[in-house]
Amino acid sequence: MAIQMNIAEAKAKLSELIARAEAGEEVVIARDGKPAVVLTPAAAKRKKPIRLGAYEHLGPMEDPYLFLRPDPELEALMDASVFPDPDPTKAR
């Protein structure tokens, strides 16, 4: 839930607003009814830390260049003719 307060009110309740922002509420300080500043905690805690090497338990890849090699099926298609065979009954 968001709280919006004008600057004059916010000056009197600054410590309360900071505590509410640290608790996770969105605190908006407005000037003439228009939002000017949003208070957020300086060090937001993450639920789970980001772990580098999340797939490290799988070990090294068997073939690290697997996706860099050309596909033989695609290469065969590239070498094939784009025109249809004029006589499909004729054996090659």
C-alpha atoms as a PDB file:
ATOM      1  CA  MET A   1       0.000   0.000   0.000  1.00  0.00           C
ATOM      2  CA  ALA A   2       1.366   3.415  -0.912  1.00  0.00           C
ATOM      3  CA  ILE A   3       1.342   6.441   1.350  1.00  0.00           C
ATOM      4  CA  GLN A   4       1.359   9.908  -0.180  1.00  0.00           C
ATOM      5  CA  MET A   5       2.038  13.024   1.870  1.00  0.00           C
ATOM      6  CA  ASN A   6       2.750  16.654   1.097  1.00  0.00           C
ATOM      7  CA  ILE A   7       6.131  18.081   2.101  1.00  0.00           C
ATOM      8  CA  ALA A   8       4.740  20.126   5.017  1.00  0.00           C
ATOM      9  CA  GLU A   9       3.199  17.020   6.625  1.00  0.00           C
ATOM     10  CA  ALA A  10       6.227  14.879   5.803  1.00  0.00           C
ATOM     11  CA  LYS A  11       8.598  17.204   7.675  1.00  0.00           C
ATOM     12  CA  ALA A  12       6.724  16.581  10.913  1.00  0.00           C
ATOM     13  CA  LYS A  13       6.519  12.801  10.423  1.00  0.00           C
ATOM     14  CA  LEU A  14       9.850  12.111   8.720  1.00  0.00           C
ATOM     15  CA  SER A  15      11.075   9.471  11.183  1.00  0.00           C
ATOM     16  CA  GLU A  16       7.743   7.620  10.919  1.00  0.00           C
ATOM     17  CA  LEU A  17       7.842   7.737   7.114  1.00  0.00           C
ATOM     18  CA  ILE A  18      11.405   6.402   7.069  1.00  0.00           C
ATOM     19  CA  ALA A  19      10.417   3.519   9.342  1.00  0.00           C
ATOM     20  CA  ARG A  20       7.457   2.671   7.108  1.00  0.00           C
ATOM     21  CA  ALA A  21       9.658   2.770   3.996  1.00  0.00           C
ATOM     22  CA  GLU A  22      12.174   0.434   5.672  1.00  0.00           C
ATOM     23  CA  ALA A  23       9.297  -1.917   6.478  1.00  0.00           C
ATOM     24  CA  GLY A  24       8.525  -2.178   2.777  1.00  0.00           C
ATOM     25  CA  GLU A  25       5.759   0.357   2.227  1.00  0.00           C
ATOM     26  CA  GLU A  26       5.966   2.753  -0.682  1.00  0.00           C
ATOM     27  CA  VAL A  27       6.168   6.301   0.660  1.00  0.00           C
ATOM     28  CA  VAL A  28       5.588   9.135  -1.815  1.00  0.00           C
ATOM     29  CA  ILE A  29       6.312  12.731  -0.848  1.00  0.00           C
ATOM     30  CA  ALA A  30       4.388  15.207  -2.975  1.00  0.00           C
ATOM     31  CA  ARG A  31       4.724  18.873  -3.784  1.00  0.00           C
ATOM     32  CA  ASP A  32       1.390  20.591  -4.422  1.00  0.00           C
ATOM     33  CA  GLY A  33      -0.293  17.198  -4.765  1.00  0.00           C
ATOM     34  CA  LYS A  34       2.127  15.967  -7.461  1.00  0.00           C
ATOM     35  CA  PRO A  35       4.542  13.131  -6.550  1.00  0.00           C
ATOM     36  CA  ALA A  36       8.086  14.456  -6.147  1.00  0.00           C
ATOM     37  CA  VAL A  37      10.055  11.784  -4.255  1.00  0.00           C
ATOM     38  CA  VAL A  38       9.652   8.109  -3.439  1.00  0.00           C
ATOM     39  CA  LEU A  39      11.309   6.807  -0.261  1.00  0.00           C
ATOM     40  CA  THR A  40      12.916   3.389  -0.510  1.00  0.00           C
ATOM     41  CA  PRO A  41      15.263   1.598   1.879  1.00  0.00           C
ATOM     42  CA  ALA A  42      18.972   2.016   1.115  1.00  0.00           C
ATOM     43  CA  ALA A  43      19.905  -1.651   1.389  1.00  0.00           C
ATOM     44  CA  ALA A  44      17.020  -3.799   0.294  1.00  0.00           C
ATOM     45  CA  LYS A  45      17.589  -7.395   1.368  1.00  0.00           C
ATOM     46  CA  ARG A  46      17.138 -10.098  -1.241  1.00  0.00           C
ATOM     47  CA  LYS A  47      15.208 -13.218  -0.376  1.00  0.00           C
ATOM     48  CA  LYS A  48      17.883 -15.439  -1.905  1.00  0.00           C
ATOM     49  CA  PRO A  49      21.366 -14.273  -2.832  1.00  0.00           C
ATOM     50  CA  ILE A  50      22.370 -14.539  -6.470  1.00  0.00           C
ATOM     51  CA  ARG A  51      24.589 -17.560  -6.864  1.00  0.00           C
ATOM     52  CA  LEU A  52      27.170 -17.588  -9.596  1.00  0.00           C
ATOM     53  CA  GLY A  53      27.742 -20.903 -11.303  1.00  0.00           C
ATOM     54  CA  ALA A  54      24.238 -22.238 -10.727  1.00  0.00           C
ATOM     55  CA  TYR A  55      24.846 -25.088 -13.205  1.00  0.00           C
ATOM     56  CA  GLU A  56      28.326 -25.907 -11.931  1.00  0.00           C
ATOM     57  CA  HIS A  57      27.050 -29.112 -10.306  1.00  0.00           C
ATOM     58  CA  LEU A  58      26.443 -30.530 -13.804  1.00  0.00           C
ATOM     59  CA  GLY A  59      30.146 -30.513 -14.527  1.00  0.00           C
ATOM     60  CA  PRO A  60      31.903 -29.343 -17.679  1.00  0.00           C
ATOM     61  CA  MET A  61      30.138 -29.597 -21.028  1.00  0.00           C
ATOM     62  CA  GLU A  62      31.028 -32.698 -22.995  1.00  0.00           C
ATOM     63  CA  ASP A  63      31.394 -30.659 -26.167  1.00  0.00           C
ATOM     64  CA  PRO A  64      31.760 -26.922 -25.501  1.00  0.00           C
ATOM     65  CA  TYR A  65      31.705 -26.138 -29.245  1.00  0.00           C
ATOM     66  CA  LEU A  66      28.464 -28.022 -29.860  1.00  0.00           C
ATOM     67  CA  PHE A  67      26.489 -24.948 -30.858  1.00  0.00           C
ATOM     68  CA  LEU A  68      29.306 -23.402 -32.896  1.00  0.00           C
ATOM     69  CA  ARG A  69      29.680 -26.255 -35.378  1.00  0.00           C
ATOM     70  CA  PRO A  70      27.738 -26.224 -38.647  1.00  0.00           C
ATOM     71  CA  ASP A  71      24.761 -28.558 -38.903  1.00  0.00           C
ATOM     72  CA  PRO A  72      25.372 -31.280 -41.534  1.00  0.00           C
ATOM     73  CA  GLU A  73      21.681 -31.427 -42.485  1.00  0.00           C
ATOM     74  CA  LEU A  74      21.573 -27.686 -43.128  1.00  0.00           C
ATOM     75  CA  GLU A  75      24.787 -27.865 -45.131  1.00  0.00           C
ATOM     76  CA  ALA A  76      23.271 -30.614 -47.309  1.00  0.00           C
ATOM     77  CA  LEU A  77      20.233 -28.430 -47.927  1.00  0.00           C
ATOM     78  CA  MET A  78      22.456 -25.513 -48.872  1.00  0.00           C
ATOM     79  CA  ASP A  79      24.197 -27.636 -51.515  1.00  0.00           C
ATOM     80  CA  ALA A  80      20.920 -29.014 -52.930  1.00  0.00           C
ATOM     81  CA  SER A  81      19.223 -27.465 -55.935  1.00  0.00           C
ATOM     82  CA  VAL A  82      16.417 -25.015 -55.323  1.00  0.00           C
ATOM     83  CA  PHE A  83      14.692 -26.028 -58.554  1.00  0.00           C
ATOM     84  CA  PRO A  84      12.410 -29.061 -58.545  1.00  0.00           C
ATOM     85  CA  ASP A  85      13.548 -32.191 -60.322  1.00  0.00           C
ATOM     86  CA  PRO A  86      12.077 -32.050 -63.872  1.00  0.00           C
ATOM     87  CA  ASP A  87      11.599 -35.826 -64.012  1.00  0.00           C
ATOM     88  CA  PRO A  88      10.878 -37.252 -60.519  1.00  0.00           C
ATOM     89  CA  THR A  89      10.667 -40.827 -61.915  1.00  0.00           C
ATOM     90  CA  LYS A  90      14.250 -40.667 -63.142  1.00  0.00           C
ATOM     91  CA  ALA A  91      16.743 -42.213 -60.745  1.00  0.00           C
ATOM     92  CA  ARG A  92      19.794 -40.205 -59.826  1.00  0.00           C
END
